[in-house]
């Protein structure tokens, strides 16, 4: 399998924790963690397979650390790279924009020519709408540590198993 770059926000504790669990399941030699706040163009271009993650803040916004990166993505050479996205959200208190971060990141990476992999079923979640939902699938792995923390490890494990096939 080609090397994997895991891009996460080091300042967001839950996002960093999920990224670490993903890396552990891939193995340190297969996947390298890169804080988005410190990422440069060469880091995004150095990997054929990327895993990117972020929480959904406020009313469906990405964390600030993505504000600088998103506009730069269009200038990067991401054509054909496989991108898997994980997002954190609260389906109870923010049902109208649950894991919108996944949808926002998918849109940005698709516009940069990347291929989105790692879609998952919305089954098992209860929300009214989400930018992450496209054609009946979530465009990545949704994590709700506020309301379903007992499901997190299994969801991550299943997703990593899926990505190992899709990242070939």
Protein backbone atom coordinates (compact mmCIF):
# COMPACT_ATOMS: atom_id res chain seq x y z
CA UNK A 1 0.00 0.00 0.00
CA UNK A 2 1.18 3.53 -0.77
CA UNK A 3 2.11 5.78 2.13
CA UNK A 4 -0.73 7.69 3.76
CA UNK A 5 -0.73 11.22 5.14
CA UNK A 6 -3.22 11.89 7.95
CA UNK A 7 -3.98 15.62 8.19
CA UNK A 8 -5.67 16.71 11.41
CA UNK A 9 -5.93 19.69 13.72
CA UNK A 10 -3.48 19.34 16.57
CA UNK A 11 -5.28 22.03 18.58
CA UNK A 12 -8.59 20.14 18.52
CA UNK A 13 -8.21 17.33 21.03
CA UNK A 14 -10.99 15.06 19.77
CA UNK A 15 -9.90 15.36 16.14
CA UNK A 16 -6.28 14.60 17.08
CA UNK A 17 -7.44 11.59 19.11
CA UNK A 18 -9.43 10.17 16.16
CA UNK A 19 -6.47 10.74 13.81
CA UNK A 20 -4.21 8.88 16.24
CA UNK A 21 -6.61 5.92 16.40
CA UNK A 22 -6.71 5.79 12.59
CA UNK A 23 -2.91 5.86 12.40
CA UNK A 24 -2.65 3.09 14.99
CA UNK A 25 -4.88 0.81 12.88
CA UNK A 26 -2.86 1.51 9.71
CA UNK A 27 0.46 1.26 11.52
CA UNK A 28 3.11 3.93 12.01
CA UNK A 29 5.08 2.77 8.99
CA UNK A 30 2.07 3.08 6.67
CA UNK A 31 0.53 6.35 7.86
CA UNK A 32 2.13 9.60 9.01
CA UNK A 33 0.26 12.19 11.06
CA UNK A 34 0.66 15.80 9.91
CA UNK A 35 -0.90 18.72 11.79
CA UNK A 36 -2.87 20.85 9.29
CA UNK A 37 -1.64 23.96 11.06
CA UNK A 38 1.92 23.07 10.04
CA UNK A 39 1.21 21.51 6.62
CA UNK A 40 2.79 22.92 3.50
CA UNK A 41 2.10 22.22 -0.16
CA UNK A 42 4.79 19.53 -0.27
CA UNK A 43 3.06 17.53 2.50
CA UNK A 44 -0.22 17.35 0.59
CA UNK A 45 1.55 16.46 -2.64
CA UNK A 46 3.92 13.91 -1.05
CA UNK A 47 1.21 11.28 -0.48
CA UNK A 48 -0.96 9.43 -2.97
CA UNK A 49 -3.50 8.69 -0.24
CA UNK A 50 -4.62 11.33 2.22
CA UNK A 51 -6.89 11.15 5.23
CA UNK A 52 -8.13 14.56 6.31
CA UNK A 53 -10.30 15.41 9.26
CA UNK A 54 -11.94 18.18 11.14
CA UNK A 55 -14.73 18.95 13.51
CA UNK A 56 -17.85 20.88 12.58
CA UNK A 57 -17.94 24.11 14.51
CA UNK A 58 -20.82 26.44 15.31
CA UNK A 59 -23.43 26.42 12.53
CA UNK A 60 -21.63 24.09 10.13
CA UNK A 61 -18.21 25.70 9.81
CA UNK A 62 -14.76 24.19 9.53
CA UNK A 63 -12.24 24.92 12.27
CA UNK A 64 -10.06 27.97 11.62
CA UNK A 65 -7.00 25.89 10.76
CA UNK A 66 -8.63 24.88 7.46
CA UNK A 67 -9.33 28.53 6.47
CA UNK A 68 -5.80 29.03 5.18
CA UNK A 69 -5.48 25.60 3.53
CA UNK A 70 -8.78 25.41 1.60
CA UNK A 71 -8.03 28.31 -0.80
CA UNK A 72 -4.56 26.88 -1.44
CA UNK A 73 -5.86 23.44 -2.45
CA UNK A 74 -6.74 24.62 -5.96
CA UNK A 75 -3.10 25.44 -6.65
CA UNK A 76 -1.87 22.02 -5.52
CA UNK A 77 -1.30 18.98 -7.69
CA UNK A 78 -4.01 16.70 -6.25
CA UNK A 79 -5.40 15.24 -9.47
CA UNK A 80 -6.08 11.54 -8.98
CA UNK A 81 -5.05 11.46 -5.33
CA UNK A 82 -7.36 9.45 -3.09
CA UNK A 83 -8.75 11.43 -0.18
CA UNK A 84 -10.69 9.97 2.75
CA UNK A 85 -12.39 12.36 5.17
CA UNK A 86 -13.45 12.02 8.77
CA UNK A 87 -15.52 14.57 10.61
CA UNK A 88 -16.70 15.12 14.13
CA UNK A 89 -20.11 16.49 14.96
CA UNK A 90 -23.05 16.47 17.37
CA UNK A 91 -26.14 14.96 15.80
CA UNK A 92 -28.42 15.91 18.71
CA UNK A 93 -27.65 19.58 19.32
CA UNK A 94 -26.58 20.38 15.74
CA UNK A 95 -28.89 18.08 13.77
CA UNK A 96 -29.26 20.59 10.94
CA UNK A 97 -25.53 20.64 10.11
CA UNK A 98 -24.21 17.35 11.43
CA UNK A 99 -20.63 16.74 10.23
CA UNK A 100 -20.88 19.49 7.61
CA UNK A 101 -17.07 19.55 7.83
CA UNK A 102 -16.99 16.35 5.75
CA UNK A 103 -19.04 17.95 2.98
CA UNK A 104 -17.00 21.15 3.01
CA UNK A 105 -13.72 19.25 2.81
CA UNK A 106 -15.04 16.90 0.10
CA UNK A 107 -16.11 19.88 -2.02
CA UNK A 108 -12.70 21.55 -1.68
CA UNK A 109 -10.71 18.41 -2.50
CA UNK A 110 -12.98 17.47 -5.41
CA UNK A 111 -12.49 20.96 -6.87
CA UNK A 112 -8.73 20.33 -6.61
CA UNK A 113 -9.06 17.16 -8.70
CA UNK A 114 -8.89 14.57 -5.93
CA UNK A 115 -10.97 11.39 -5.72
CA UNK A 116 -13.07 10.98 -2.57
CA UNK A 117 -13.04 7.49 -1.05
CA UNK A 118 -14.30 6.12 2.25
CA UNK A 119 -17.99 6.91 1.90
CA UNK A 120 -20.13 5.46 4.67
CA UNK A 121 -23.78 4.79 5.40
CA UNK A 122 -25.82 7.33 7.39
CA UNK A 123 -27.51 4.38 9.15
CA UNK A 124 -27.13 4.58 12.92
CA UNK A 125 -27.15 8.38 13.02
CA UNK A 126 -30.11 10.69 13.58
CA UNK A 127 -29.83 14.15 12.01
CA UNK A 128 -32.05 16.39 9.90
CA UNK A 129 -29.48 17.47 7.28
CA UNK A 130 -25.80 17.48 6.48
CA UNK A 131 -23.51 18.78 3.75
CA UNK A 132 -21.71 15.44 4.12
CA UNK A 133 -24.67 13.55 2.62
CA UNK A 134 -24.50 12.97 -1.14
CA UNK A 135 -26.47 10.40 -3.10
CA UNK A 136 -27.58 8.70 0.14
CA UNK A 137 -24.05 8.28 1.51
CA UNK A 138 -21.90 10.24 3.91
CA UNK A 139 -18.77 11.37 2.05
CA UNK A 140 -16.60 10.11 4.90
CA UNK A 141 -16.57 8.79 8.43
CA UNK A 142 -18.89 10.59 10.85
CA UNK A 143 -17.90 10.55 14.52
CA UNK A 144 -20.19 11.77 17.31
CA UNK A 145 -18.17 11.67 20.51
CA UNK A 146 -20.84 13.70 22.33
CA UNK A 147 -23.70 11.25 21.86
CA UNK A 148 -22.26 7.95 20.61
CA UNK A 149 -18.74 7.57 22.01
CA UNK A 150 -19.29 3.84 22.51
CA UNK A 151 -19.54 3.42 18.70
CA UNK A 152 -16.38 5.34 17.81
CA UNK A 153 -13.79 2.55 17.95
CA UNK A 154 -15.91 0.13 15.90
CA UNK A 155 -16.70 2.82 13.32
CA UNK A 156 -13.02 3.68 12.98
CA UNK A 157 -12.00 0.04 12.71
CA UNK A 158 -14.60 -0.68 10.00
CA UNK A 159 -13.59 2.46 8.09
CA UNK A 160 -9.87 1.68 8.17
CA UNK A 161 -10.62 -1.85 6.88
CA UNK A 162 -12.61 -0.25 4.04
CA UNK A 163 -9.84 2.27 3.28
CA UNK A 164 -7.18 -0.44 3.10
CA UNK A 165 -9.09 -1.79 0.10
CA UNK A 166 -9.87 1.60 -1.45
CA UNK A 167 -6.33 2.94 -1.07
CA UNK A 168 -4.75 0.20 -3.22
